[in-house]
């Protein structure tokens, strides 16, 4: 079985982070969105394509911009999840991993007042009920 290269593993993590952020893995879209956030020399869609295909990896400064944009840690994007640093919660449907953006959301939620938290819980409950209603025949 051939070993997957480090740059290919990065490409897989990048595509996953894009998907989690709701961004289509299009080289042109990635290049344009990246260039809006990067203060150095802009990249071309060809460079973004090479990142997405695992042909090359971005330099560390570009990696930091990608990670901030996609709300993942640079280390997670570059190397994958480190053992012991992933938050896993046991839910009814089984274990659930929380990425950096989810952990940050929980931190923000916990900083709210009790009344504000209740409002957030009510909104989430409404979404869950709406989703359940959609799946009824």
N, C-alpha and C. Protein backbone atom coordinates (compact mmCIF):
# COMPACT_ATOMS: atom_id res chain seq x y z
N UNK A 1 0.84 -1.18 0.00
CA UNK A 1 0.00 0.00 0.00
C UNK A 1 0.88 1.24 0.00
N UNK A 2 0.72 2.14 -0.99
CA UNK A 2 1.58 3.32 -1.06
C UNK A 2 1.29 4.29 0.08
N UNK A 3 2.35 4.90 0.56
CA UNK A 3 2.24 5.86 1.65
C UNK A 3 1.79 7.21 1.07
N UNK A 4 0.83 7.85 1.75
CA UNK A 4 0.32 9.13 1.30
C UNK A 4 1.33 10.21 1.70
N UNK A 5 1.68 11.07 0.75
CA UNK A 5 2.69 12.09 1.02
C UNK A 5 2.16 13.14 2.00
N UNK A 6 3.09 13.83 2.62
CA UNK A 6 2.74 14.88 3.58
C UNK A 6 1.92 15.98 2.90
N UNK A 7 2.29 16.34 1.67
CA UNK A 7 1.56 17.39 0.98
C UNK A 7 0.15 16.92 0.60
N UNK A 8 0.00 15.64 0.30
CA UNK A 8 -1.34 15.10 0.00
C UNK A 8 -2.20 15.09 1.27
N UNK A 9 -1.60 14.75 2.39
CA UNK A 9 -2.34 14.78 3.66
C UNK A 9 -2.78 16.22 3.97
N UNK A 10 -1.89 17.18 3.71
CA UNK A 10 -2.26 18.58 3.90
C UNK A 10 -3.44 18.93 3.00
N UNK A 11 -3.39 18.53 1.74
CA UNK A 11 -4.47 18.83 0.79
C UNK A 11 -5.80 18.27 1.30
N UNK A 12 -5.77 17.07 1.84
CA UNK A 12 -6.99 16.47 2.39
C UNK A 12 -7.53 17.30 3.55
N UNK A 13 -6.63 17.74 4.43
CA UNK A 13 -7.05 18.58 5.57
C UNK A 13 -7.57 19.93 5.10
N UNK A 14 -6.92 20.50 4.08
CA UNK A 14 -7.36 21.79 3.54
C UNK A 14 -8.77 21.67 2.95
N UNK A 15 -8.99 20.64 2.15
CA UNK A 15 -10.33 20.45 1.56
C UNK A 15 -11.38 20.23 2.64
N UNK A 16 -11.02 19.49 3.67
CA UNK A 16 -11.94 19.26 4.78
C UNK A 16 -12.25 20.56 5.53
N UNK A 17 -11.23 21.38 5.75
CA UNK A 17 -11.44 22.66 6.44
C UNK A 17 -12.30 23.59 5.59
N UNK A 18 -12.08 23.59 4.28
CA UNK A 18 -12.90 24.39 3.39
C UNK A 18 -14.36 23.94 3.47
N UNK A 19 -14.56 22.64 3.42
CA UNK A 19 -15.93 22.10 3.51
C UNK A 19 -16.58 22.49 4.83
N UNK A 20 -15.83 22.35 5.92
CA UNK A 20 -16.37 22.72 7.24
C UNK A 20 -16.73 24.19 7.32
N UNK A 21 -16.00 25.01 6.60
CA UNK A 21 -16.26 26.46 6.59
C UNK A 21 -17.33 26.84 5.56
N UNK A 22 -17.82 25.85 4.81
CA UNK A 22 -18.84 26.13 3.82
C UNK A 22 -18.30 26.78 2.56
N UNK A 23 -17.02 26.51 2.26
CA UNK A 23 -16.37 27.11 1.09
C UNK A 23 -16.10 26.00 0.08
N UNK A 24 -16.51 26.23 -1.16
CA UNK A 24 -16.26 25.27 -2.23
C UNK A 24 -14.77 25.22 -2.51
N UNK A 25 -14.26 24.03 -2.75
CA UNK A 25 -12.82 23.84 -2.98
C UNK A 25 -12.46 24.14 -4.43
N UNK A 26 -12.73 25.35 -4.84
CA UNK A 26 -12.41 25.82 -6.19
C UNK A 26 -11.10 26.60 -6.13
N UNK A 27 -10.14 26.28 -7.00
CA UNK A 27 -8.87 27.02 -6.98
C UNK A 27 -9.05 28.53 -7.12
N UNK A 28 -9.94 28.95 -8.00
CA UNK A 28 -10.16 30.39 -8.21
C UNK A 28 -10.77 31.02 -6.96
N UNK A 29 -11.77 30.36 -6.39
CA UNK A 29 -12.41 30.88 -5.19
C UNK A 29 -11.42 30.94 -4.02
N UNK A 30 -10.64 29.88 -3.85
CA UNK A 30 -9.64 29.84 -2.77
C UNK A 30 -8.60 30.94 -2.97
N UNK A 31 -8.11 31.08 -4.19
CA UNK A 31 -7.09 32.11 -4.46
C UNK A 31 -7.64 33.50 -4.18
N UNK A 32 -8.84 33.79 -4.67
CA UNK A 32 -9.42 35.12 -4.46
C UNK A 32 -9.67 35.41 -2.98
N UNK A 33 -10.24 34.45 -2.27
CA UNK A 33 -10.53 34.65 -0.84
C UNK A 33 -9.23 34.77 -0.04
N UNK A 34 -8.25 33.95 -0.40
CA UNK A 34 -6.95 34.02 0.27
C UNK A 34 -6.30 35.39 0.05
N UNK A 35 -6.29 35.86 -1.19
CA UNK A 35 -5.63 37.12 -1.52
C UNK A 35 -6.26 38.32 -0.82
N UNK A 36 -7.54 38.23 -0.51
CA UNK A 36 -8.19 39.30 0.26
C UNK A 36 -7.65 39.40 1.68
N UNK A 37 -7.12 38.29 2.20
CA UNK A 37 -6.67 38.23 3.58
C UNK A 37 -5.16 38.31 3.74
N UNK A 38 -4.43 38.05 2.67
CA UNK A 38 -2.97 37.98 2.74
C UNK A 38 -2.37 39.31 2.33
N UNK A 39 -1.41 39.80 3.10
CA UNK A 39 -0.82 41.11 2.82
C UNK A 39 0.50 41.03 2.07
N UNK A 40 0.86 39.85 1.63
CA UNK A 40 2.07 39.70 0.83
C UNK A 40 1.72 39.59 -0.63
N UNK A 41 2.61 38.97 -1.38
CA UNK A 41 2.39 38.77 -2.81
C UNK A 41 1.23 37.80 -3.01
N UNK A 42 0.29 38.17 -3.85
CA UNK A 42 -0.91 37.34 -4.04
C UNK A 42 -0.55 36.02 -4.72
N UNK A 43 -1.45 35.05 -4.56
CA UNK A 43 -1.26 33.75 -5.20
C UNK A 43 -2.18 33.67 -6.42
N UNK A 44 -1.87 32.75 -7.31
CA UNK A 44 -2.69 32.53 -8.49
C UNK A 44 -3.63 31.34 -8.23
N UNK A 45 -4.68 31.20 -9.01
CA UNK A 45 -5.51 30.00 -8.90
C UNK A 45 -4.70 28.72 -9.12
N UNK A 46 -3.65 28.81 -9.93
CA UNK A 46 -2.79 27.63 -10.15
C UNK A 46 -2.10 27.21 -8.84
N UNK A 47 -1.66 28.18 -8.06
CA UNK A 47 -1.05 27.86 -6.76
C UNK A 47 -2.07 27.22 -5.84
N UNK A 48 -3.28 27.79 -5.78
CA UNK A 48 -4.33 27.23 -4.94
C UNK A 48 -4.67 25.81 -5.40
N UNK A 49 -4.69 25.60 -6.73
CA UNK A 49 -4.95 24.27 -7.27
C UNK A 49 -3.89 23.28 -6.80
N UNK A 50 -2.64 23.70 -6.83
CA UNK A 50 -1.56 22.83 -6.37
C UNK A 50 -1.70 22.50 -4.88
N UNK A 51 -2.15 23.46 -4.07
CA UNK A 51 -2.42 23.18 -2.65
C UNK A 51 -3.52 22.13 -2.52
N UNK A 52 -4.61 22.33 -3.27
CA UNK A 52 -5.77 21.44 -3.18
C UNK A 52 -5.48 20.03 -3.70
N UNK A 53 -4.55 19.93 -4.62
CA UNK A 53 -4.19 18.61 -5.17
C UNK A 53 -3.04 17.95 -4.41
N UNK A 54 -2.44 18.67 -3.49
CA UNK A 54 -1.34 18.10 -2.72
C UNK A 54 -0.03 18.06 -3.47
N UNK A 55 0.13 18.92 -4.45
CA UNK A 55 1.39 18.98 -5.19
C UNK A 55 2.44 19.79 -4.43
N UNK A 56 2.00 20.86 -3.78
CA UNK A 56 2.89 21.69 -2.96
C UNK A 56 2.13 22.11 -1.70
N UNK A 57 2.89 22.57 -0.73
CA UNK A 57 2.30 23.08 0.51
C UNK A 57 2.62 24.57 0.62
N UNK A 58 1.72 25.32 1.23
CA UNK A 58 2.00 26.76 1.40
C UNK A 58 3.11 26.99 2.41
N UNK A 59 3.74 28.14 2.31
CA UNK A 59 4.73 28.53 3.30
C UNK A 59 4.00 28.83 4.62
N UNK A 60 4.76 28.93 5.69
CA UNK A 60 4.16 29.08 7.02
C UNK A 60 3.29 30.35 7.13
N UNK A 61 3.73 31.45 6.55
CA UNK A 61 2.93 32.68 6.63
C UNK A 61 1.59 32.52 5.91
N UNK A 62 1.60 31.82 4.79
CA UNK A 62 0.36 31.56 4.06
C UNK A 62 -0.52 30.55 4.81
N UNK A 63 0.12 29.60 5.42
CA UNK A 63 -0.61 28.60 6.21
C UNK A 63 -1.37 29.26 7.36
N UNK A 64 -0.74 30.23 8.01
CA UNK A 64 -1.40 30.96 9.10
C UNK A 64 -2.64 31.70 8.61
N UNK A 65 -2.54 32.31 7.44
CA UNK A 65 -3.68 33.04 6.87
C UNK A 65 -4.81 32.06 6.54
N UNK A 66 -4.46 30.93 5.92
CA UNK A 66 -5.47 29.91 5.62
C UNK A 66 -6.16 29.43 6.90
N UNK A 67 -5.37 29.16 7.92
CA UNK A 67 -5.92 28.64 9.17
C UNK A 67 -6.85 29.66 9.83
N UNK A 68 -6.45 30.91 9.84
CA UNK A 68 -7.29 31.95 10.44
C UNK A 68 -8.59 32.08 9.65
N UNK A 69 -8.49 32.10 8.34
CA UNK A 69 -9.66 32.21 7.47
C UNK A 69 -10.63 31.05 7.72
N UNK A 70 -10.10 29.83 7.80
CA UNK A 70 -10.94 28.63 7.90
C UNK A 70 -11.24 28.24 9.34
N UNK A 71 -10.74 29.02 10.28
CA UNK A 71 -10.98 28.82 11.72
C UNK A 71 -10.55 27.44 12.20
N UNK A 72 -9.32 27.10 11.85
CA UNK A 72 -8.66 25.91 12.38
C UNK A 72 -7.29 26.35 12.86
N UNK A 73 -6.66 25.56 13.69
CA UNK A 73 -5.34 25.95 14.14
C UNK A 73 -4.33 25.67 13.01
N UNK A 74 -3.29 26.49 12.90
CA UNK A 74 -2.28 26.24 11.87
C UNK A 74 -1.64 24.86 12.01
N UNK A 75 -1.41 24.43 13.25
CA UNK A 75 -0.81 23.11 13.47
C UNK A 75 -1.74 22.00 13.00
N UNK A 76 -3.04 22.16 13.27
CA UNK A 76 -4.01 21.17 12.84
C UNK A 76 -4.06 21.09 11.32
N UNK A 77 -4.02 22.23 10.66
CA UNK A 77 -4.05 22.26 9.20
C UNK A 77 -2.77 21.67 8.62
N UNK A 78 -1.64 22.00 9.19
CA UNK A 78 -0.34 21.56 8.66
C UNK A 78 -0.04 20.09 8.97
N UNK A 79 -0.29 19.70 10.25
CA UNK A 79 0.14 18.37 10.70
C UNK A 79 -0.99 17.41 11.01
N UNK A 80 -2.21 17.91 11.09
CA UNK A 80 -3.31 17.05 11.53
C UNK A 80 -3.53 17.23 13.01
N UNK A 81 -4.47 16.53 13.53
CA UNK A 81 -4.80 16.67 14.95
C UNK A 81 -3.78 15.96 15.81
N UNK A 82 -3.32 16.68 16.82
CA UNK A 82 -2.37 16.09 17.76
C UNK A 82 -3.13 15.27 18.80
N UNK A 83 -2.62 14.11 19.17
CA UNK A 83 -3.28 13.33 20.20
C UNK A 83 -3.41 14.14 21.49
N UNK A 84 -4.55 14.03 22.12
CA UNK A 84 -4.76 14.72 23.39
C UNK A 84 -5.23 16.16 23.24
N UNK A 85 -5.27 16.69 22.02
CA UNK A 85 -5.68 18.08 21.83
C UNK A 85 -7.04 18.19 21.16
N UNK A 86 -7.65 17.06 20.85
CA UNK A 86 -8.96 17.06 20.22
C UNK A 86 -10.01 16.88 21.31
N UNK A 87 -11.02 17.71 21.28
CA UNK A 87 -12.11 17.59 22.24
C UNK A 87 -13.14 16.63 21.68
N UNK A 88 -13.42 15.58 22.44
CA UNK A 88 -14.40 14.60 22.02
C UNK A 88 -15.48 14.52 23.10
N UNK A 89 -16.72 14.59 22.66
CA UNK A 89 -17.84 14.52 23.58
C UNK A 89 -18.68 13.31 23.22
N UNK A 90 -19.17 12.60 24.24
CA UNK A 90 -20.08 11.49 24.01
C UNK A 90 -21.49 12.05 23.88
N UNK A 91 -22.10 11.80 22.74
CA UNK A 91 -23.46 12.25 22.48
C UNK A 91 -24.33 11.01 22.24
N UNK A 92 -25.63 11.21 22.11
CA UNK A 92 -26.54 10.09 21.87
C UNK A 92 -26.15 9.30 20.63
N UNK A 93 -25.71 9.99 19.60
CA UNK A 93 -25.35 9.34 18.34
C UNK A 93 -23.91 8.81 18.35
N UNK A 94 -23.20 8.95 19.46
CA UNK A 94 -21.82 8.48 19.55
C UNK A 94 -20.87 9.63 19.79
N UNK A 95 -19.56 9.37 19.73
CA UNK A 95 -18.58 10.42 20.00
C UNK A 95 -18.58 11.49 18.91
N UNK A 96 -18.39 12.74 19.34
CA UNK A 96 -18.36 13.87 18.42
C UNK A 96 -17.08 14.65 18.68
N UNK A 97 -16.30 14.89 17.61
CA UNK A 97 -15.09 15.70 17.73
C UNK A 97 -15.44 17.16 17.49
N UNK A 98 -14.82 18.02 18.25
CA UNK A 98 -15.03 19.45 18.05
C UNK A 98 -13.74 20.07 17.55
N UNK A 99 -13.84 20.75 16.42
CA UNK A 99 -12.71 21.47 15.88
C UNK A 99 -12.56 22.82 16.57
N UNK A 100 -11.57 23.57 16.14
CA UNK A 100 -11.27 24.85 16.76
C UNK A 100 -12.45 25.81 16.69
N UNK A 101 -13.12 25.89 15.55
CA UNK A 101 -14.24 26.84 15.43
C UNK A 101 -15.38 26.48 16.37
N UNK A 102 -15.64 25.17 16.55
CA UNK A 102 -16.68 24.76 17.49
C UNK A 102 -16.27 25.05 18.93
N UNK A 103 -15.00 24.81 19.25
CA UNK A 103 -14.53 25.09 20.62
C UNK A 103 -14.61 26.59 20.92
N UNK A 104 -14.26 27.41 19.92
CA UNK A 104 -14.36 28.86 20.12
C UNK A 104 -15.81 29.29 20.29
N UNK A 105 -16.72 28.64 19.55
CA UNK A 105 -18.13 28.95 19.69
C UNK A 105 -18.63 28.61 21.09
N UNK A 106 -18.21 27.48 21.62
CA UNK A 106 -18.60 27.09 22.98
C UNK A 106 -18.05 28.10 23.98
N UNK A 107 -16.83 28.53 23.81
CA UNK A 107 -16.25 29.55 24.70
C UNK A 107 -17.06 30.84 24.66
N UNK A 108 -17.45 31.26 23.46
CA UNK A 108 -18.26 32.48 23.34
C UNK A 108 -19.62 32.28 23.99
N UNK A 109 -20.22 31.12 23.78
CA UNK A 109 -21.51 30.81 24.40
C UNK A 109 -21.40 30.89 25.92
N UNK A 110 -20.36 30.32 26.47
CA UNK A 110 -20.19 30.31 27.93
C UNK A 110 -19.93 31.69 28.50
N UNK A 111 -19.50 32.63 27.65
CA UNK A 111 -19.26 33.99 28.14
C UNK A 111 -20.55 34.82 28.22
N UNK A 112 -21.65 34.27 27.69
CA UNK A 112 -22.93 34.98 27.71
C UNK A 112 -23.61 34.87 29.07
N UNK A 113 -24.57 35.76 29.30
CA UNK A 113 -25.36 35.69 30.53
C UNK A 113 -26.27 34.47 30.46
N UNK A 114 -26.83 34.06 31.59
CA UNK A 114 -27.73 32.91 31.62
C UNK A 114 -28.95 33.13 30.73
N UNK A 115 -29.46 34.34 30.72
CA UNK A 115 -30.61 34.66 29.88
C UNK A 115 -30.26 34.56 28.39
N UNK A 116 -29.09 35.06 28.02
CA UNK A 116 -28.65 34.98 26.63
C UNK A 116 -28.41 33.52 26.21
N UNK A 117 -27.86 32.72 27.12
CA UNK A 117 -27.66 31.29 26.83
C UNK A 117 -28.99 30.60 26.57
N UNK A 118 -29.99 30.94 27.37
CA UNK A 118 -31.31 30.33 27.18
C UNK A 118 -31.85 30.67 25.79
N UNK A 119 -31.67 31.91 25.37
CA UNK A 119 -32.12 32.32 24.04
C UNK A 119 -31.43 31.49 22.96
N UNK A 120 -30.13 31.29 23.11
CA UNK A 120 -29.37 30.48 22.15
C UNK A 120 -29.89 29.04 22.15
N UNK A 121 -30.13 28.47 23.33
CA UNK A 121 -30.66 27.10 23.40
C UNK A 121 -32.02 27.01 22.72
N UNK A 122 -32.86 28.03 22.91
CA UNK A 122 -34.19 28.05 22.27
C UNK A 122 -34.06 28.08 20.75
N UNK A 123 -33.12 28.89 20.25
CA UNK A 123 -32.91 28.97 18.80
C UNK A 123 -32.43 27.63 18.25
N UNK A 124 -31.49 27.00 18.93
CA UNK A 124 -30.98 25.70 18.48
C UNK A 124 -32.11 24.67 18.52
N UNK A 125 -32.91 24.68 19.56
CA UNK A 125 -34.04 23.75 19.65
C UNK A 125 -35.01 23.95 18.49
N UNK A 126 -35.25 25.19 18.11
CA UNK A 126 -36.14 25.47 16.98
C UNK A 126 -35.56 24.90 15.69
N UNK A 127 -34.26 25.03 15.49
CA UNK A 127 -33.63 24.46 14.30
C UNK A 127 -33.77 22.94 14.30
N UNK A 128 -33.57 22.31 15.45
CA UNK A 128 -33.67 20.85 15.54
C UNK A 128 -35.09 20.40 15.24
N UNK A 129 -36.08 21.10 15.80
CA UNK A 129 -37.48 20.74 15.53
C UNK A 129 -37.81 20.92 14.04
N UNK A 130 -37.32 22.00 13.42
CA UNK A 130 -37.57 22.23 12.00
C UNK A 130 -36.94 21.13 11.15
N UNK A 131 -35.73 20.73 11.52
CA UNK A 131 -35.03 19.65 10.79
C UNK A 131 -35.80 18.34 10.91
N UNK A 132 -36.30 18.05 12.13
CA UNK A 132 -37.07 16.83 12.34
C UNK A 132 -38.36 16.87 11.54
N UNK A 133 -39.00 18.04 11.47
CA UNK A 133 -40.25 18.17 10.72
C UNK A 133 -40.02 17.96 9.23
N UNK A 134 -38.87 18.37 8.72
CA UNK A 134 -38.54 18.20 7.31
C UNK A 134 -38.42 16.73 6.94
N UNK A 135 -37.97 15.92 7.87
CA UNK A 135 -37.73 14.50 7.56
C UNK A 135 -38.97 13.64 7.73
N UNK A 136 -40.08 14.23 8.20
CA UNK A 136 -41.32 13.47 8.32
C UNK A 136 -41.95 13.26 6.95
N UNK A 137 -42.57 12.09 6.74
CA UNK A 137 -43.19 11.82 5.43
C UNK A 137 -44.44 12.64 5.22
